[in-house]
Amino acid sequence: MNIIRTLKRCAAAGAVVLAAVSLQPTSASAAPPPVVGGTLASQGEFPWMVRLSMGCGGALYTQQIVLTAAHCVDGSGNNTSITATAGVVDLQSSGAVKVKSTKVLQAPGYNGQGKDWALIKLAKPINQPTLPIATSTAYNSGTFTVAGWGAASEGGGQQRYLRKAQVPFVSDAVCKQAYGSSLVPAEEICAGYTQGGVDTCQGDSGGPMFRKDNNGAWIQVGIVSWGEGCARPNYPGVYTEVSTFASAIASAAAKL
């Protein structure tokens, strides 16, 4: 089985179009656990989070460019088919900002293994804070935060409300015990609990993994990429190591 190709964390396009009743919890106690094993995010808590209409997440790299995963897009070039939703935790909120894409740049050389990043240029800026990306491996440690509108359990549906969770760093050596040669250590970073229970899942692809920098500000260190199922014991989530591609991302964004 090719884990890289079969277990990317992007929702199938059809899975995103869900009846409103199935997305909305009937009460606080009935709400499904966010991400997998997380909690509901507060309005304005992560203002740079973006939901993409193909069933992925992303973050505002600039107010007019979204950083997401390469496997969420179909090549590079002019593209007006993607809608970015931002500014809200509730995707059905009347306050949601929706902007169409104009161009897409998929990571050069992307072939399904590693290099899992892409940029989406929007038709106009979104007036929300942006999320800086790490330019070195200095923050590739400790505990990270993940957020998204993806499934709250393996095989589950997409969610209406943004959810968050915390996951600890997992070393390349330990991660390779799970994934072997499918892992690209120079381009990917792993995070999760040995016992499982907390993880990103299908539909969270392209969203950021982030932590506080030395000044107490959020900084992005990873992009949700792939994993064996969701929140399974001994199978951490795998994320694109943003610092590895920081220069390439900056150069591509300047030309987009």
C-alpha atoms as a PDB file:
ATOM      1  CA  MET A   1       0.000   0.000   0.000  1.00  0.00           C
ATOM      2  CA  ASN A   2       1.293   3.450  -0.862  1.00  0.00           C
ATOM      3  CA  ILE A   3       0.564   5.331   2.371  1.00  0.00           C
ATOM      4  CA  ILE A   4       1.535   8.685   0.887  1.00  0.00           C
ATOM      5  CA  ARG A   5      -1.018   8.537  -1.882  1.00  0.00           C
ATOM      6  CA  THR A   6      -3.907   6.852  -0.100  1.00  0.00           C
ATOM      7  CA  LEU A   7      -3.975   8.609   3.245  1.00  0.00           C
ATOM      8  CA  LYS A   8      -3.585  12.277   2.475  1.00  0.00           C
ATOM      9  CA  ARG A   9      -5.750  14.371   4.739  1.00  0.00           C
ATOM     10  CA  CYS A  10      -7.811  16.186   2.132  1.00  0.00           C
ATOM     11  CA  ALA A  11     -11.557  15.567   2.119  1.00  0.00           C
ATOM     12  CA  ALA A  12     -13.177  14.169  -0.978  1.00  0.00           C
ATOM     13  CA  ALA A  13     -14.939  16.972  -2.784  1.00  0.00           C
ATOM     14  CA  GLY A  14     -18.336  15.391  -2.248  1.00  0.00           C
ATOM     15  CA  ALA A  15     -17.766  15.011   1.473  1.00  0.00           C
ATOM     16  CA  VAL A  16     -17.757  18.755   1.991  1.00  0.00           C
ATOM     17  CA  VAL A  17     -21.319  19.291   0.777  1.00  0.00           C
ATOM     18  CA  LEU A  18     -23.177  18.215   3.881  1.00  0.00           C
ATOM     19  CA  ALA A  19     -26.671  19.029   5.078  1.00  0.00           C
ATOM     20  CA  ALA A  20     -26.619  21.860   7.589  1.00  0.00           C
ATOM     21  CA  VAL A  21     -28.330  19.719  10.194  1.00  0.00           C
ATOM     22  CA  SER A  22     -25.512  17.173  10.101  1.00  0.00           C
ATOM     23  CA  LEU A  23     -22.897  19.868  10.722  1.00  0.00           C
ATOM     24  CA  GLN A  24     -24.585  21.619  13.585  1.00  0.00           C
ATOM     25  CA  PRO A  25     -24.536  20.059  17.064  1.00  0.00           C
ATOM     26  CA  THR A  26     -27.934  20.090  18.768  1.00  0.00           C
ATOM     27  CA  SER A  27     -26.384  21.055  22.085  1.00  0.00           C
ATOM     28  CA  ALA A  28     -22.996  21.636  23.648  1.00  0.00           C
ATOM     29  CA  SER A  29     -22.983  18.123  25.082  1.00  0.00           C
ATOM     30  CA  ALA A  30     -23.825  16.616  21.694  1.00  0.00           C
ATOM     31  CA  ALA A  31     -21.020  18.387  19.836  1.00  0.00           C
ATOM     32  CA  PRO A  32     -18.440  15.984  18.375  1.00  0.00           C
ATOM     33  CA  PRO A  33     -14.869  16.266  19.647  1.00  0.00           C
ATOM     34  CA  PRO A  34     -13.030  18.810  17.456  1.00  0.00           C
ATOM     35  CA  VAL A  35     -10.196  17.783  15.066  1.00  0.00           C
ATOM     36  CA  VAL A  36      -9.748  14.417  16.830  1.00  0.00           C
ATOM     37  CA  GLY A  37      -9.690  14.787  20.584  1.00  0.00           C
ATOM     38  CA  GLY A  38      -9.648  18.591  20.649  1.00  0.00           C
ATOM     39  CA  THR A  39     -11.962  21.483  21.505  1.00  0.00           C
ATOM     40  CA  LEU A  40     -13.886  24.208  19.714  1.00  0.00           C
ATOM     41  CA  ALA A  41     -11.846  27.272  18.785  1.00  0.00           C
ATOM     42  CA  SER A  42     -13.063  30.704  19.859  1.00  0.00           C
ATOM     43  CA  GLN A  43     -14.056  33.360  17.333  1.00  0.00           C
ATOM     44  CA  GLY A  44     -10.926  35.353  16.465  1.00  0.00           C
ATOM     45  CA  GLU A  45      -8.549  32.931  18.178  1.00  0.00           C
ATOM     46  CA  PHE A  46      -6.787  31.940  14.940  1.00  0.00           C
ATOM     47  CA  PRO A  47      -7.804  34.719  12.525  1.00  0.00           C
ATOM     48  CA  TRP A  48      -5.470  33.569   9.747  1.00  0.00           C
ATOM     49  CA  MET A  49      -7.253  30.211   9.323  1.00  0.00           C
ATOM     50  CA  VAL A  50      -8.835  29.616   5.911  1.00  0.00           C
ATOM     51  CA  ARG A  51     -11.260  26.966   4.690  1.00  0.00           C
ATOM     52  CA  LEU A  52     -10.902  26.031   1.018  1.00  0.00           C
ATOM     53  CA  SER A  53     -13.834  24.826  -1.049  1.00  0.00           C
ATOM     54  CA  MET A  54     -12.111  21.662  -2.291  1.00  0.00           C
ATOM     55  CA  GLY A  55     -12.159  20.320   1.266  1.00  0.00           C
ATOM     56  CA  CYS A  56      -8.848  21.530   2.685  1.00  0.00           C
ATOM     57  CA  GLY A  57      -7.556  24.091   5.132  1.00  0.00           C
ATOM     58  CA  GLY A  58      -4.919  26.781   4.816  1.00  0.00           C
ATOM     59  CA  ALA A  59      -3.442  29.854   6.455  1.00  0.00           C
ATOM     60  CA  LEU A  60      -3.001  33.424   5.262  1.00  0.00           C
ATOM     61  CA  TYR A  61       0.644  33.722   4.251  1.00  0.00           C
ATOM     62  CA  THR A  62      -0.181  37.237   3.100  1.00  0.00           C
ATOM     63  CA  GLN A  63      -3.606  38.819   3.077  1.00  0.00           C
ATOM     64  CA  GLN A  64      -3.951  37.758  -0.561  1.00  0.00           C
ATOM     65  CA  ILE A  65      -2.077  34.432  -0.582  1.00  0.00           C
ATOM     66  CA  VAL A  66      -3.066  31.207   1.196  1.00  0.00           C
ATOM     67  CA  LEU A  67      -0.454  28.582   2.103  1.00  0.00           C
ATOM     68  CA  THR A  68      -1.869  25.056   1.852  1.00  0.00           C
ATOM     69  CA  ALA A  69      -0.833  21.528   0.830  1.00  0.00           C
ATOM     70  CA  ALA A  70       0.254  20.552  -2.676  1.00  0.00           C
ATOM     71  CA  HIS A  71      -2.041  17.521  -2.662  1.00  0.00           C
ATOM     72  CA  CYS A  72      -5.026  19.851  -2.199  1.00  0.00           C
ATOM     73  CA  VAL A  73      -4.583  21.423  -5.636  1.00  0.00           C
ATOM     74  CA  ASP A  74      -4.337  20.132  -9.173  1.00  0.00           C
ATOM     75  CA  GLY A  75      -1.169  21.626 -10.638  1.00  0.00           C
ATOM     76  CA  SER A  76      -0.222  25.264 -11.176  1.00  0.00           C
ATOM     77  CA  GLY A  77      -1.660  28.091 -13.230  1.00  0.00           C
ATOM     78  CA  ASN A  78      -4.703  30.334 -13.459  1.00  0.00           C
ATOM     79  CA  ASN A  79      -7.521  28.973 -11.331  1.00  0.00           C
ATOM     80  CA  THR A  80     -10.788  30.664 -10.393  1.00  0.00           C
ATOM     81  CA  SER A  81     -12.548  27.552  -9.083  1.00  0.00           C
ATOM     82  CA  ILE A  82     -11.495  27.712  -5.423  1.00  0.00           C
ATOM     83  CA  THR A  83     -13.380  29.686  -2.798  1.00  0.00           C
ATOM     84  CA  ALA A  84     -11.562  30.680   0.390  1.00  0.00           C
ATOM     85  CA  THR A  85     -13.689  31.262   3.495  1.00  0.00           C
ATOM     86  CA  ALA A  86     -12.123  33.244   6.336  1.00  0.00           C
ATOM     87  CA  GLY A  87     -12.815  35.455   9.319  1.00  0.00           C
ATOM     88  CA  VAL A  88     -15.069  33.010  11.184  1.00  0.00           C
ATOM     89  CA  VAL A  89     -15.024  29.765  13.139  1.00  0.00           C
ATOM     90  CA  ASP A  90     -18.570  28.946  11.966  1.00  0.00           C
ATOM     91  CA  LEU A  91     -18.556  28.294   8.222  1.00  0.00           C
ATOM     92  CA  GLN A  92     -22.244  29.173   8.045  1.00  0.00           C
ATOM     93  CA  SER A  93     -21.841  32.527   9.783  1.00  0.00           C
ATOM     94  CA  SER A  94     -23.199  35.559   7.939  1.00  0.00           C
ATOM     95  CA  GLY A  95     -19.919  37.268   8.789  1.00  0.00           C
ATOM     96  CA  ALA A  96     -17.839  34.845   6.728  1.00  0.00           C
ATOM     97  CA  VAL A  97     -15.551  36.418   4.140  1.00  0.00           C
ATOM     98  CA  LYS A  98     -15.544  34.477   0.879  1.00  0.00           C
ATOM     99  CA  VAL A  99     -13.026  35.212  -1.883  1.00  0.00           C
ATOM    100  CA  LYS A 100     -12.346  33.362  -5.135  1.00  0.00           C
ATOM    101  CA  SER A 101      -8.907  32.221  -6.234  1.00  0.00           C
ATOM    102  CA  THR A 102      -7.103  33.607  -9.285  1.00  0.00           C
ATOM    103  CA  LYS A 103      -3.914  31.530  -9.441  1.00  0.00           C
ATOM    104  CA  VAL A 104      -2.440  28.397  -7.901  1.00  0.00           C
ATOM    105  CA  LEU A 105       1.203  27.410  -7.530  1.00  0.00           C
ATOM    106  CA  GLN A 106       1.890  23.807  -6.590  1.00  0.00           C
ATOM    107  CA  ALA A 107       5.354  23.090  -5.184  1.00  0.00           C
ATOM    108  CA  PRO A 108       7.788  22.534  -8.063  1.00  0.00           C
ATOM    109  CA  GLY A 109       8.705  18.863  -8.344  1.00  0.00           C
ATOM    110  CA  TYR A 110       5.788  17.643  -6.226  1.00  0.00           C
ATOM    111  CA  ASN A 111       5.068  13.993  -7.041  1.00  0.00           C
ATOM    112  CA  GLY A 112       3.050  12.805  -4.062  1.00  0.00           C
ATOM    113  CA  GLN A 113       5.911  12.263  -1.639  1.00  0.00           C
ATOM    114  CA  GLY A 114       7.378  15.235   0.204  1.00  0.00           C
ATOM    115  CA  LYS A 115       7.259  18.841  -1.064  1.00  0.00           C
ATOM    116  CA  ASP A 116       3.642  19.032   0.058  1.00  0.00           C
ATOM    117  CA  TRP A 117       3.013  22.780  -0.121  1.00  0.00           C
ATOM    118  CA  ALA A 118       1.134  25.107  -2.450  1.00  0.00           C
ATOM    119  CA  LEU A 119       0.100  28.752  -2.695  1.00  0.00           C
ATOM    120  CA  ILE A 120      -3.287  30.091  -3.730  1.00  0.00           C
ATOM    121  CA  LYS A 121      -3.602  33.716  -4.817  1.00  0.00           C
ATOM    122  CA  LEU A 122      -6.938  35.354  -4.058  1.00  0.00           C
ATOM    123  CA  ALA A 123      -8.892  37.847  -6.139  1.00  0.00           C
ATOM    124  CA  LYS A 124      -8.618  40.413  -3.354  1.00  0.00           C
ATOM    125  CA  PRO A 125      -6.980  40.676   0.078  1.00  0.00           C
ATOM    126  CA  ILE A 126      -8.693  39.343   3.184  1.00  0.00           C
ATOM    127  CA  ASN A 127      -8.456  41.841   6.011  1.00  0.00           C
ATOM    128  CA  GLN A 128      -7.238  39.419   8.671  1.00  0.00           C
ATOM    129  CA  PRO A 129      -3.868  38.882  10.404  1.00  0.00           C
ATOM    130  CA  THR A 130      -1.378  36.611   8.631  1.00  0.00           C
ATOM    131  CA  LEU A 131       0.583  33.687  10.072  1.00  0.00           C
ATOM    132  CA  PRO A 132       4.401  33.978   9.751  1.00  0.00           C
ATOM    133  CA  ILE A 133       6.248  30.798   8.800  1.00  0.00           C
ATOM    134  CA  ALA A 134       9.369  29.410  10.418  1.00  0.00           C
ATOM    135  CA  THR A 135      12.577  30.006   8.472  1.00  0.00           C
ATOM    136  CA  SER A 136      14.737  27.657  10.563  1.00  0.00           C
ATOM    137  CA  THR A 137      14.273  24.461  12.555  1.00  0.00           C
ATOM    138  CA  ALA A 138      14.484  26.388  15.852  1.00  0.00           C
ATOM    139  CA  TYR A 139      10.797  25.772  16.568  1.00  0.00           C
ATOM    140  CA  ASN A 140      10.641  22.135  15.441  1.00  0.00           C
ATOM    141  CA  SER A 141      10.153  20.915  18.994  1.00  0.00           C
ATOM    142  CA  GLY A 142       7.822  21.052  21.965  1.00  0.00           C
ATOM    143  CA  THR A 143       4.047  21.128  21.700  1.00  0.00           C
ATOM    144  CA  PHE A 144       2.212  22.327  18.608  1.00  0.00           C
ATOM    145  CA  THR A 145      -1.328  23.504  17.984  1.00  0.00           C
ATOM    146  CA  VAL A 146      -3.372  22.279  15.019  1.00  0.00           C
ATOM    147  CA  ALA A 147      -6.744  23.566  13.855  1.00  0.00           C
ATOM    148  CA  GLY A 148      -9.214  22.755  11.122  1.00  0.00           C
ATOM    149  CA  TRP A 149     -12.729  21.933   9.974  1.00  0.00           C
ATOM    150  CA  GLY A 150     -11.903  18.321   9.156  1.00  0.00           C
ATOM    151  CA  ALA A 151     -13.378  15.105  10.475  1.00  0.00           C
ATOM    152  CA  ALA A 152     -13.649  14.675  14.244  1.00  0.00           C
ATOM    153  CA  SER A 153     -13.076  10.929  13.914  1.00  0.00           C
ATOM    154  CA  GLU A 154     -11.565   8.638  11.317  1.00  0.00           C
ATOM    155  CA  GLY A 155     -14.044   8.272   8.478  1.00  0.00           C
ATOM    156  CA  GLY A 156     -16.227  11.083   9.835  1.00  0.00           C
ATOM    157  CA  GLY A 157     -17.665  14.056   7.989  1.00  0.00           C
ATOM    158  CA  GLN A 158     -16.454  17.614   7.722  1.00  0.00           C
ATOM    159  CA  GLN A 159     -17.376  20.005  10.501  1.00  0.00           C
ATOM    160  CA  ARG A 160     -19.140  23.350  10.594  1.00  0.00           C
ATOM    161  CA  TYR A 161     -17.071  24.775  13.448  1.00  0.00           C
ATOM    162  CA  LEU A 162     -13.304  25.297  13.644  1.00  0.00           C
ATOM    163  CA  ARG A 163     -11.595  22.995  16.103  1.00  0.00           C
ATOM    164  CA  LYS A 164      -8.171  22.936  17.730  1.00  0.00           C
ATOM    165  CA  ALA A 165      -5.915  20.484  19.530  1.00  0.00           C
ATOM    166  CA  GLN A 166      -2.369  20.204  20.818  1.00  0.00           C
ATOM    167  CA  VAL A 167       0.103  17.548  19.679  1.00  0.00           C
ATOM    168  CA  PRO A 168       3.705  16.935  20.798  1.00  0.00           C
ATOM    169  CA  PHE A 169       6.744  16.727  18.530  1.00  0.00           C
ATOM    170  CA  VAL A 170       7.794  13.233  17.452  1.00  0.00           C
ATOM    171  CA  SER A 171      11.388  12.631  16.362  1.00  0.00           C
ATOM    172  CA  ASP A 172      12.224  11.449  12.852  1.00  0.00           C
ATOM    173  CA  ALA A 173      13.622   8.212  14.293  1.00  0.00           C
ATOM    174  CA  VAL A 174      10.388   7.365  16.088  1.00  0.00           C
ATOM    175  CA  CYS A 175       8.255   8.458  13.144  1.00  0.00           C
ATOM    176  CA  LYS A 176      10.238   6.247  10.775  1.00  0.00           C
ATOM    177  CA  GLN A 177       9.388   3.277  12.978  1.00  0.00           C
ATOM    178  CA  ALA A 178       5.780   3.850  11.951  1.00  0.00           C
ATOM    179  CA  TYR A 179       6.180   4.853   8.317  1.00  0.00           C
ATOM    180  CA  GLY A 180       9.548   3.546   7.144  1.00  0.00           C
ATOM    181  CA  SER A 181      10.664   4.803   3.747  1.00  0.00           C
ATOM    182  CA  SER A 182       7.359   6.601   3.136  1.00  0.00           C
ATOM    183  CA  LEU A 183       8.585   9.365   5.460  1.00  0.00           C
ATOM    184  CA  VAL A 184      10.824  12.067   3.987  1.00  0.00           C
ATOM    185  CA  PRO A 185      12.647  13.295   7.120  1.00  0.00           C
ATOM    186  CA  ALA A 186      14.358  16.222   5.398  1.00  0.00           C
ATOM    187  CA  GLU A 187      10.989  17.614   4.280  1.00  0.00           C
ATOM    188  CA  GLU A 188       8.508  16.401   6.899  1.00  0.00           C
ATOM    189  CA  ILE A 189       7.947  16.721  10.643  1.00  0.00           C
ATOM    190  CA  CYS A 190       5.816  14.445  12.810  1.00  0.00           C
ATOM    191  CA  ALA A 191       3.622  15.136  15.821  1.00  0.00           C
ATOM    192  CA  GLY A 192       1.230  13.117  17.955  1.00  0.00           C
ATOM    193  CA  TYR A 193       0.823  10.932  21.022  1.00  0.00           C
ATOM    194  CA  THR A 194       2.112   7.376  21.313  1.00  0.00           C
ATOM    195  CA  GLN A 195      -1.289   6.333  22.639  1.00  0.00           C
ATOM    196  CA  GLY A 196      -3.105   8.177  19.840  1.00  0.00           C
ATOM    197  CA  GLY A 197      -6.402   9.894  20.525  1.00  0.00           C
ATOM    198  CA  VAL A 198      -5.487  13.396  19.276  1.00  0.00           C
ATOM    199  CA  ASP A 199      -4.676  14.178  15.650  1.00  0.00           C
ATOM    200  CA  THR A 200      -5.617  15.985  12.479  1.00  0.00           C
ATOM    201  CA  CYS A 201      -7.851  14.030  10.116  1.00  0.00           C
ATOM    202  CA  GLN A 202      -9.395  14.009   6.639  1.00  0.00           C
ATOM    203  CA  GLY A 203     -10.373  17.547   5.656  1.00  0.00           C
ATOM    204  CA  ASP A 204      -7.642  19.167   7.758  1.00  0.00           C
ATOM    205  CA  SER A 205      -5.069  18.885   4.939  1.00  0.00           C
ATOM    206  CA  GLY A 206      -3.262  22.100   4.124  1.00  0.00           C
ATOM    207  CA  GLY A 207      -4.006  23.660   7.488  1.00  0.00           C
ATOM    208  CA  PRO A 208      -1.183  24.934   9.687  1.00  0.00           C
ATOM    209  CA  MET A 209       0.610  23.332  12.604  1.00  0.00           C
ATOM    210  CA  PHE A 210       1.917  26.182  14.751  1.00  0.00           C
ATOM    211  CA  ARG A 211       3.371  27.173  18.123  1.00  0.00           C
ATOM    212  CA  LYS A 212       4.517  30.271  19.975  1.00  0.00           C
ATOM    213  CA  ASP A 213       7.900  31.747  19.043  1.00  0.00           C
ATOM    214  CA  ASN A 214      10.383  33.247  21.509  1.00  0.00           C
ATOM    215  CA  ASN A 215       8.362  36.470  21.566  1.00  0.00           C
ATOM    216  CA  GLY A 216       5.089  34.732  22.315  1.00  0.00           C
ATOM    217  CA  ALA A 217       3.694  35.149  18.795  1.00  0.00           C
ATOM    218  CA  TRP A 218       2.270  32.316  16.683  1.00  0.00           C
ATOM    219  CA  ILE A 219       4.545  30.876  14.001  1.00  0.00           C
ATOM    220  CA  GLN A 220       3.771  28.116  11.504  1.00  0.00           C
ATOM    221  CA  VAL A 221       6.097  25.098  11.557  1.00  0.00           C
ATOM    222  CA  GLY A 222       4.070  22.554   9.584  1.00  0.00           C
ATOM    223  CA  ILE A 223       1.340  21.943   7.015  1.00  0.00           C
ATOM    224  CA  VAL A 224      -1.125  19.086   7.578  1.00  0.00           C
ATOM    225  CA  SER A 225      -0.136  16.404   5.070  1.00  0.00           C
ATOM    226  CA  TRP A 226      -0.830  12.717   5.767  1.00  0.00           C
ATOM    227  CA  GLY A 227      -0.939   9.832   8.212  1.00  0.00           C
ATOM    228  CA  GLU A 228      -2.149   6.293   8.842  1.00  0.00           C
ATOM    229  CA  GLY A 229      -5.815   6.806   9.610  1.00  0.00           C
ATOM    230  CA  CYS A 230      -6.491   9.417  12.301  1.00  0.00           C
ATOM    231  CA  ALA A 231      -5.288   9.420  15.917  1.00  0.00           C
ATOM    232  CA  ARG A 232      -4.216   5.777  15.839  1.00  0.00           C
ATOM    233  CA  PRO A 233      -1.713   4.622  18.483  1.00  0.00           C
ATOM    234  CA  ASN A 234       1.915   4.665  17.288  1.00  0.00           C
ATOM    235  CA  TYR A 235       1.008   6.511  14.071  1.00  0.00           C
ATOM    236  CA  PRO A 236       1.707  10.246  14.470  1.00  0.00           C
ATOM    237  CA  GLY A 237       0.468  12.831  11.998  1.00  0.00           C
ATOM    238  CA  VAL A 238       2.923  13.846   9.281  1.00  0.00           C
ATOM    239  CA  TYR A 239       3.324  17.511   8.367  1.00  0.00           C
ATOM    240  CA  THR A 240       5.296  19.388   5.728  1.00  0.00           C
ATOM    241  CA  GLU A 241       8.320  20.960   7.444  1.00  0.00           C
ATOM    242  CA  VAL A 242       7.726  24.595   6.557  1.00  0.00           C
ATOM    243  CA  SER A 243      11.239  25.832   7.373  1.00  0.00           C
ATOM    244  CA  THR A 244      12.707  23.530   4.713  1.00  0.00           C
ATOM    245  CA  PHE A 245      10.711  25.356   2.048  1.00  0.00           C
ATOM    246  CA  ALA A 246      10.609  28.873   3.539  1.00  0.00           C
ATOM    247  CA  SER A 247      12.861  30.391   0.878  1.00  0.00           C
ATOM    248  CA  ALA A 248      11.044  28.630  -1.974  1.00  0.00           C
ATOM    249  CA  ILE A 249       7.667  29.716  -0.588  1.00  0.00           C
ATOM    250  CA  ALA A 250       8.797  33.333  -0.255  1.00  0.00           C
ATOM    251  CA  SER A 251      10.189  33.364  -3.785  1.00  0.00           C
ATOM    252  CA  ALA A 252       7.065  31.765  -5.246  1.00  0.00           C
ATOM    253  CA  ALA A 253       4.771  34.176  -3.396  1.00  0.00           C
ATOM    254  CA  ALA A 254       6.680  37.174  -4.712  1.00  0.00           C
ATOM    255  CA  LYS A 255       6.065  36.009  -8.277  1.00  0.00           C
ATOM    256  CA  LEU A 256       2.470  34.818  -7.893  1.00  0.00           C
END
